[in-house]
Amino acid sequence: TPRADTCKAIIQKLWQEGWFATNKGLNDVHNEMARRGYHYDRTAVAHALIDLVKDNILTRDGPPRRYRYAQKKPPKT
């Protein structure tokens, strides 16, 4: 399978795998991406997460700068 190369696409792949079944913070997402070999700036990761919230894929909860992200709808299998 081709590698996802945009920050948003990588996060969507995590979502499709069910990785967001439990709440994750920005640091969790950033660290998981780095663990998989994707090294993006934390700001880019934060922007991609916001885009996915706007796309109604993820939900965001918690106080500013300490948001937690979780899947809003289950991925299609």
PDB file of N, CA and C in Angstrom:
ATOM      1  N   THR A   1       0.847  -1.197   0.000  1.00  0.00           N
ATOM      2  CA  THR A   1       0.000   0.000   0.000  1.00  0.00           C
ATOM      3  C   THR A   1       0.881   1.245   0.000  1.00  0.00           C
ATOM      4  N   PRO A   2       0.452   2.306  -0.691  1.00  0.00           N
ATOM      5  CA  PRO A   2       1.254   3.526  -0.720  1.00  0.00           C
ATOM      6  C   PRO A   2       1.275   4.200   0.645  1.00  0.00           C
ATOM      7  N   ARG A   3       2.389   4.829   0.943  1.00  0.00           N
ATOM      8  CA  ARG A   3       2.503   5.540   2.221  1.00  0.00           C
ATOM      9  C   ARG A   3       1.705   6.830   2.163  1.00  0.00           C
ATOM     10  N   ALA A   4       0.968   7.097   3.223  1.00  0.00           N
ATOM     11  CA  ALA A   4       0.290   8.391   3.338  1.00  0.00           C
ATOM     12  C   ALA A   4       1.376   9.418   3.598  1.00  0.00           C
ATOM     13  N   ASP A   5       1.296  10.546   2.929  1.00  0.00           N
ATOM     14  CA  ASP A   5       2.396  11.486   3.112  1.00  0.00           C
ATOM     15  C   ASP A   5       1.982  12.814   3.725  1.00  0.00           C
ATOM     16  N   THR A   6       0.728  13.175   3.676  1.00  0.00           N
ATOM     17  CA  THR A   6       0.351  14.429   4.324  1.00  0.00           C
ATOM     18  C   THR A   6       0.066  14.152   5.789  1.00  0.00           C
ATOM     19  N   CYS A   7       0.263  15.145   6.598  1.00  0.00           N
ATOM     20  CA  CYS A   7       0.023  15.021   8.027  1.00  0.00           C
ATOM     21  C   CYS A   7      -1.420  14.594   8.286  1.00  0.00           C
ATOM     22  N   LYS A   8      -2.354  15.242   7.603  1.00  0.00           N
ATOM     23  CA  LYS A   8      -3.769  14.925   7.778  1.00  0.00           C
ATOM     24  C   LYS A   8      -4.061  13.480   7.374  1.00  0.00           C
ATOM     25  N   ALA A   9      -3.483  13.029   6.265  1.00  0.00           N
ATOM     26  CA  ALA A   9      -3.709  11.657   5.791  1.00  0.00           C
ATOM     27  C   ALA A   9      -3.179  10.628   6.788  1.00  0.00           C
ATOM     28  N   ILE A  10      -2.066  10.926   7.410  1.00  0.00           N
ATOM     29  CA  ILE A  10      -1.495  10.008   8.403  1.00  0.00           C
ATOM     30  C   ILE A  10      -2.416   9.908   9.614  1.00  0.00           C
ATOM     31  N   ILE A  11      -2.934  11.047  10.060  1.00  0.00           N
ATOM     32  CA  ILE A  11      -3.849  11.040  11.204  1.00  0.00           C
ATOM     33  C   ILE A  11      -5.144  10.318  10.834  1.00  0.00           C
ATOM     34  N   GLN A  12      -5.612  10.500   9.604  1.00  0.00           N
ATOM     35  CA  GLN A  12      -6.812   9.777   9.154  1.00  0.00           C
ATOM     36  C   GLN A  12      -6.560   8.267   9.158  1.00  0.00           C
ATOM     37  N   LYS A  13      -5.344   7.862   8.812  1.00  0.00           N
ATOM     38  CA  LYS A  13      -5.000   6.444   8.847  1.00  0.00           C
ATOM     39  C   LYS A  13      -5.068   5.924  10.281  1.00  0.00           C
ATOM     40  N   LEU A  14      -4.584   6.703  11.234  1.00  0.00           N
ATOM     41  CA  LEU A  14      -4.683   6.319  12.648  1.00  0.00           C
ATOM     42  C   LEU A  14      -6.152   6.151  13.038  1.00  0.00           C
ATOM     43  N   TRP A  15      -6.981   7.079  12.571  1.00  0.00           N
ATOM     44  CA  TRP A  15      -8.419   7.025  12.854  1.00  0.00           C
ATOM     45  C   TRP A  15      -9.020   5.743  12.265  1.00  0.00           C
ATOM     46  N   GLN A  16      -8.654   5.428  11.008  1.00  0.00           N
ATOM     47  CA  GLN A  16      -9.182   4.227  10.357  1.00  0.00           C
ATOM     48  C   GLN A  16      -8.784   2.960  11.101  1.00  0.00           C
ATOM     49  N   GLU A  17      -7.633   2.982  11.740  1.00  0.00           N
ATOM     50  CA  GLU A  17      -7.160   1.832  12.501  1.00  0.00           C
ATOM     51  C   GLU A  17      -7.839   1.735  13.870  1.00  0.00           C
ATOM     52  N   GLY A  18      -8.642   2.748  14.223  1.00  0.00           N
ATOM     53  CA  GLY A  18      -9.307   2.753  15.525  1.00  0.00           C
ATOM     54  C   GLY A  18      -8.433   3.280  16.651  1.00  0.00           C
ATOM     55  N   TRP A  19      -7.326   3.919  16.296  1.00  0.00           N
ATOM     56  CA  TRP A  19      -6.382   4.428  17.291  1.00  0.00           C
ATOM     57  C   TRP A  19      -7.011   5.505  18.174  1.00  0.00           C
ATOM     58  N   PHE A  20      -7.996   6.222  17.652  1.00  0.00           N
ATOM     59  CA  PHE A  20      -8.657   7.283  18.411  1.00  0.00           C
ATOM     60  C   PHE A  20      -9.873   6.774  19.189  1.00  0.00           C
ATOM     61  N   ALA A  21      -9.971   5.455  19.395  1.00  0.00           N
ATOM     62  CA  ALA A  21     -11.087   4.892  20.162  1.00  0.00           C
ATOM     63  C   ALA A  21     -11.058   5.414  21.594  1.00  0.00           C
ATOM     64  N   THR A  22      -9.873   5.749  22.081  1.00  0.00           N
ATOM     65  CA  THR A  22      -9.747   6.400  23.394  1.00  0.00           C
ATOM     66  C   THR A  22      -9.167   7.790  23.158  1.00  0.00           C
ATOM     67  N   ASN A  23      -9.469   8.710  24.067  1.00  0.00           N
ATOM     68  CA  ASN A  23      -9.002  10.095  23.932  1.00  0.00           C
ATOM     69  C   ASN A  23      -7.483  10.166  23.855  1.00  0.00           C
ATOM     70  N   LYS A  24      -7.008  11.004  22.941  1.00  0.00           N
ATOM     71  CA  LYS A  24      -5.568  11.214  22.768  1.00  0.00           C
ATOM     72  C   LYS A  24      -5.277  12.708  22.788  1.00  0.00           C
ATOM     73  N   GLY A  25      -4.156  13.081  23.377  1.00  0.00           N
ATOM     74  CA  GLY A  25      -3.716  14.462  23.362  1.00  0.00           C
ATOM     75  C   GLY A  25      -2.808  14.711  22.168  1.00  0.00           C
ATOM     76  N   LEU A  26      -2.512  15.974  21.923  1.00  0.00           N
ATOM     77  CA  LEU A  26      -1.614  16.346  20.830  1.00  0.00           C
ATOM     78  C   LEU A  26      -0.285  15.609  20.954  1.00  0.00           C
ATOM     79  N   ASN A  27       0.244  15.539  22.155  1.00  0.00           N
ATOM     80  CA  ASN A  27       1.522  14.870  22.379  1.00  0.00           C
ATOM     81  C   ASN A  27       1.437  13.385  22.023  1.00  0.00           C
ATOM     82  N   ASP A  28       0.320  12.749  22.375  1.00  0.00           N
ATOM     83  CA  ASP A  28       0.120  11.330  22.035  1.00  0.00           C
ATOM     84  C   ASP A  28       0.166  11.135  20.522  1.00  0.00           C
ATOM     85  N   VAL A  29      -0.549  11.999  19.795  1.00  0.00           N
ATOM     86  CA  VAL A  29      -0.620  11.883  18.339  1.00  0.00           C
ATOM     87  C   VAL A  29       0.763  12.129  17.734  1.00  0.00           C
ATOM     88  N   HIS A  30       1.413  13.190  18.179  1.00  0.00           N
ATOM     89  CA  HIS A  30       2.741  13.542  17.674  1.00  0.00           C
ATOM     90  C   HIS A  30       3.732  12.399  17.915  1.00  0.00           C
ATOM     91  N   ASN A  31       3.719  11.828  19.116  1.00  0.00           N
ATOM     92  CA  ASN A  31       4.639  10.736  19.451  1.00  0.00           C
ATOM     93  C   ASN A  31       4.346   9.476  18.641  1.00  0.00           C
ATOM     94  N   GLU A  32       3.064   9.156  18.428  1.00  0.00           N
ATOM     95  CA  GLU A  32       2.710   7.969  17.648  1.00  0.00           C
ATOM     96  C   GLU A  32       3.155   8.128  16.197  1.00  0.00           C
ATOM     97  N   MET A  33       2.973   9.333  15.655  1.00  0.00           N
ATOM     98  CA  MET A  33       3.416   9.576  14.278  1.00  0.00           C
ATOM     99  C   MET A  33       4.935   9.417  14.181  1.00  0.00           C
ATOM    100  N   ALA A  34       5.662   9.960  15.147  1.00  0.00           N
ATOM    101  CA  ALA A  34       7.125   9.854  15.145  1.00  0.00           C
ATOM    102  C   ALA A  34       7.545   8.389  15.287  1.00  0.00           C
ATOM    103  N   ARG A  35       6.851   7.634  16.127  1.00  0.00           N
ATOM    104  CA  ARG A  35       7.151   6.222  16.317  1.00  0.00           C
ATOM    105  C   ARG A  35       7.011   5.452  15.004  1.00  0.00           C
ATOM    106  N   ARG A  36       6.070   5.892  14.163  1.00  0.00           N
ATOM    107  CA  ARG A  36       5.835   5.236  12.873  1.00  0.00           C
ATOM    108  C   ARG A  36       6.728   5.803  11.766  1.00  0.00           C
ATOM    109  N   GLY A  37       7.582   6.758  12.110  1.00  0.00           N
ATOM    110  CA  GLY A  37       8.531   7.285  11.133  1.00  0.00           C
ATOM    111  C   GLY A  37       8.114   8.569  10.445  1.00  0.00           C
ATOM    112  N   TYR A  38       7.049   9.199  10.920  1.00  0.00           N
ATOM    113  CA  TYR A  38       6.588  10.470  10.347  1.00  0.00           C
ATOM    114  C   TYR A  38       6.937  11.588  11.311  1.00  0.00           C
ATOM    115  N   HIS A  39       7.789  12.493  10.871  1.00  0.00           N
ATOM    116  CA  HIS A  39       8.262  13.557  11.757  1.00  0.00           C
ATOM    117  C   HIS A  39       7.753  14.908  11.275  1.00  0.00           C
ATOM    118  N   TYR A  40       6.621  15.294  11.837  1.00  0.00           N
ATOM    119  CA  TYR A  40       6.007  16.575  11.509  1.00  0.00           C
ATOM    120  C   TYR A  40       6.119  17.503  12.699  1.00  0.00           C
ATOM    121  N   ASP A  41       6.134  18.793  12.413  1.00  0.00           N
ATOM    122  CA  ASP A  41       6.118  19.807  13.455  1.00  0.00           C
ATOM    123  C   ASP A  41       4.812  19.680  14.246  1.00  0.00           C
ATOM    124  N   ARG A  42       4.892  19.906  15.553  1.00  0.00           N
ATOM    125  CA  ARG A  42       3.688  19.798  16.398  1.00  0.00           C
ATOM    126  C   ARG A  42       2.583  20.744  15.924  1.00  0.00           C
ATOM    127  N   THR A  43       2.968  21.904  15.391  1.00  0.00           N
ATOM    128  CA  THR A  43       1.974  22.862  14.889  1.00  0.00           C
ATOM    129  C   THR A  43       1.213  22.266  13.705  1.00  0.00           C
ATOM    130  N   ALA A  44       1.920  21.580  12.820  1.00  0.00           N
ATOM    131  CA  ALA A  44       1.275  20.944  11.666  1.00  0.00           C
ATOM    132  C   ALA A  44       0.305  19.860  12.134  1.00  0.00           C
ATOM    133  N   VAL A  45       0.703  19.100  13.148  1.00  0.00           N
ATOM    134  CA  VAL A  45      -0.166  18.050  13.693  1.00  0.00           C
ATOM    135  C   VAL A  45      -1.416  18.686  14.300  1.00  0.00           C
ATOM    136  N   ALA A  46      -1.231  19.767  15.051  1.00  0.00           N
ATOM    137  CA  ALA A  46      -2.371  20.455  15.672  1.00  0.00           C
ATOM    138  C   ALA A  46      -3.340  20.972  14.616  1.00  0.00           C
ATOM    139  N   HIS A  47      -2.826  21.545  13.545  1.00  0.00           N
ATOM    140  CA  HIS A  47      -3.694  22.053  12.465  1.00  0.00           C
ATOM    141  C   HIS A  47      -4.451  20.918  11.784  1.00  0.00           C
ATOM    142  N   ALA A  48      -3.775  19.798  11.558  1.00  0.00           N
ATOM    143  CA  ALA A  48      -4.433  18.651  10.928  1.00  0.00           C
ATOM    144  C   ALA A  48      -5.538  18.109  11.839  1.00  0.00           C
ATOM    145  N   LEU A  49      -5.288  18.075  13.148  1.00  0.00           N
ATOM    146  CA  LEU A  49      -6.317  17.613  14.088  1.00  0.00           C
ATOM    147  C   LEU A  49      -7.532  18.535  14.044  1.00  0.00           C
ATOM    148  N   ILE A  50      -7.296  19.844  13.990  1.00  0.00           N
ATOM    149  CA  ILE A  50      -8.404  20.805  13.914  1.00  0.00           C
ATOM    150  C   ILE A  50      -9.202  20.580  12.629  1.00  0.00           C
ATOM    151  N   ASP A  51      -8.502  20.357  11.516  1.00  0.00           N
ATOM    152  CA  ASP A  51      -9.187  20.085  10.240  1.00  0.00           C
ATOM    153  C   ASP A  51     -10.086  18.858  10.349  1.00  0.00           C
ATOM    154  N   LEU A  52      -9.609  17.813  11.028  1.00  0.00           N
ATOM    155  CA  LEU A  52     -10.397  16.588  11.171  1.00  0.00           C
ATOM    156  C   LEU A  52     -11.584  16.789  12.113  1.00  0.00           C
ATOM    157  N   VAL A  53     -11.441  17.692  13.072  1.00  0.00           N
ATOM    158  CA  VAL A  53     -12.586  18.055  13.925  1.00  0.00           C
ATOM    159  C   VAL A  53     -13.628  18.773  13.062  1.00  0.00           C
ATOM    160  N   LYS A  54     -13.168  19.699  12.224  1.00  0.00           N
ATOM    161  CA  LYS A  54     -14.080  20.432  11.332  1.00  0.00           C
ATOM    162  C   LYS A  54     -14.730  19.507  10.316  1.00  0.00           C
ATOM    163  N   ASP A  55     -14.015  18.456   9.910  1.00  0.00           N
ATOM    164  CA  ASP A  55     -14.552  17.481   8.959  1.00  0.00           C
ATOM    165  C   ASP A  55     -15.502  16.484   9.630  1.00  0.00           C
ATOM    166  N   ASN A  56     -15.698  16.646  10.933  1.00  0.00           N
ATOM    167  CA  ASN A  56     -16.624  15.798  11.696  1.00  0.00           C
ATOM    168  C   ASN A  56     -16.137  14.359  11.850  1.00  0.00           C
ATOM    169  N   ILE A  57     -14.824  14.164  11.776  1.00  0.00           N
ATOM    170  CA  ILE A  57     -14.243  12.832  11.926  1.00  0.00           C
ATOM    171  C   ILE A  57     -13.797  12.617  13.372  1.00  0.00           C
ATOM    172  N   LEU A  58     -13.192  13.656  13.945  1.00  0.00           N
ATOM    173  CA  LEU A  58     -12.762  13.602  15.340  1.00  0.00           C
ATOM    174  C   LEU A  58     -13.560  14.606  16.164  1.00  0.00           C
ATOM    175  N   THR A  59     -13.577  14.399  17.453  1.00  0.00           N
ATOM    176  CA  THR A  59     -14.170  15.355  18.370  1.00  0.00           C
ATOM    177  C   THR A  59     -13.072  15.848  19.304  1.00  0.00           C
ATOM    178  N   ARG A  60     -13.257  17.045  19.823  1.00  0.00           N
ATOM    179  CA  ARG A  60     -12.235  17.659  20.671  1.00  0.00           C
ATOM    180  C   ARG A  60     -12.884  18.061  21.978  1.00  0.00           C
ATOM    181  N   ASP A  61     -12.225  17.777  23.089  1.00  0.00           N
ATOM    182  CA  ASP A  61     -12.765  18.086  24.404  1.00  0.00           C
ATOM    183  C   ASP A  61     -11.632  18.547  25.310  1.00  0.00           C
ATOM    184  N   GLY A  62     -11.987  19.314  26.326  1.00  0.00           N
ATOM    185  CA  GLY A  62     -10.994  19.752  27.296  1.00  0.00           C
ATOM    186  C   GLY A  62     -10.666  21.223  27.156  1.00  0.00           C
ATOM    187  N   PRO A  63      -9.825  21.729  28.066  1.00  0.00           N
ATOM    188  CA  PRO A  63      -9.454  23.147  28.047  1.00  0.00           C
ATOM    189  C   PRO A  63      -8.463  23.459  26.922  1.00  0.00           C
ATOM    190  N   PRO A  64      -8.425  24.722  26.470  1.00  0.00           N
ATOM    191  CA  PRO A  64      -7.451  25.099  25.431  1.00  0.00           C
ATOM    192  C   PRO A  64      -6.029  24.700  25.817  1.00  0.00           C
ATOM    193  N   ARG A  65      -5.266  24.312  24.815  1.00  0.00           N
ATOM    194  CA  ARG A  65      -3.881  23.858  24.939  1.00  0.00           C
ATOM    195  C   ARG A  65      -3.750  22.503  25.623  1.00  0.00           C
ATOM    196  N   ARG A  66      -4.860  21.919  26.033  1.00  0.00           N
ATOM    197  CA  ARG A  66      -4.836  20.586  26.644  1.00  0.00           C
ATOM    198  C   ARG A  66      -5.974  19.739  26.068  1.00  0.00           C
ATOM    199  N   TYR A  67      -6.331  20.017  24.820  1.00  0.00           N
ATOM    200  CA  TYR A  67      -7.426  19.306  24.179  1.00  0.00           C
ATOM    201  C   TYR A  67      -7.140  17.814  24.101  1.00  0.00           C
ATOM    202  N   ARG A  68      -8.207  17.045  24.129  1.00  0.00           N
ATOM    203  CA  ARG A  68      -8.152  15.605  23.921  1.00  0.00           C
ATOM    204  C   ARG A  68      -8.989  15.309  22.683  1.00  0.00           C
ATOM    205  N   TYR A  69      -8.484  14.464  21.824  1.00  0.00           N
ATOM    206  CA  TYR A  69      -9.156  14.129  20.564  1.00  0.00           C
ATOM    207  C   TYR A  69      -9.609  12.673  20.596  1.00  0.00           C
ATOM    208  N   ALA A  70     -10.789  12.425  20.054  1.00  0.00           N
ATOM    209  CA  ALA A  70     -11.313  11.058  19.976  1.00  0.00           C
ATOM    210  C   ALA A  70     -12.124  10.926  18.698  1.00  0.00           C
ATOM    211  N   GLN A  71     -12.338   9.699  18.243  1.00  0.00           N
ATOM    212  CA  GLN A  71     -13.115   9.505  17.024  1.00  0.00           C
ATOM    213  C   GLN A  71     -14.563   9.881  17.281  1.00  0.00           C
ATOM    214  N   LYS A  72     -15.117  10.632  16.358  1.00  0.00           N
ATOM    215  CA  LYS A  72     -16.514  11.048  16.464  1.00  0.00           C
ATOM    216  C   LYS A  72     -17.424   9.989  15.861  1.00  0.00           C
ATOM    217  N   LYS A  73     -16.963   9.406  14.765  1.00  0.00           N
ATOM    218  CA  LYS A  73     -17.734   8.334  14.139  1.00  0.00           C
ATOM    219  C   LYS A  73     -16.784   7.181  13.868  1.00  0.00           C
ATOM    220  N   PRO A  74     -17.293   5.972  13.921  1.00  0.00           N
ATOM    221  CA  PRO A  74     -16.385   4.840  13.685  1.00  0.00           C
ATOM    222  C   PRO A  74     -15.946   4.771  12.235  1.00  0.00           C
ATOM    223  N   PRO A  75     -14.722   4.341  11.992  1.00  0.00           N
ATOM    224  CA  PRO A  75     -14.256   4.211  10.612  1.00  0.00           C
ATOM    225  C   PRO A  75     -15.039   3.122   9.886  1.00  0.00           C
ATOM    226  N   LYS A  76     -15.203   3.295   8.599  1.00  0.00           N
ATOM    227  CA  LYS A  76     -15.861   2.272   7.772  1.00  0.00           C
ATOM    228  C   LYS A  76     -14.853   1.151   7.531  1.00  0.00           C
ATOM    229  N   THR A  77     -15.272  -0.061   7.773  1.00  0.00           N
ATOM    230  CA  THR A  77     -14.346  -1.181   7.601  1.00  0.00           C
ATOM    231  C   THR A  77     -14.570  -1.891   6.292  1.00  0.00           C
TER     232      THR A  77
END
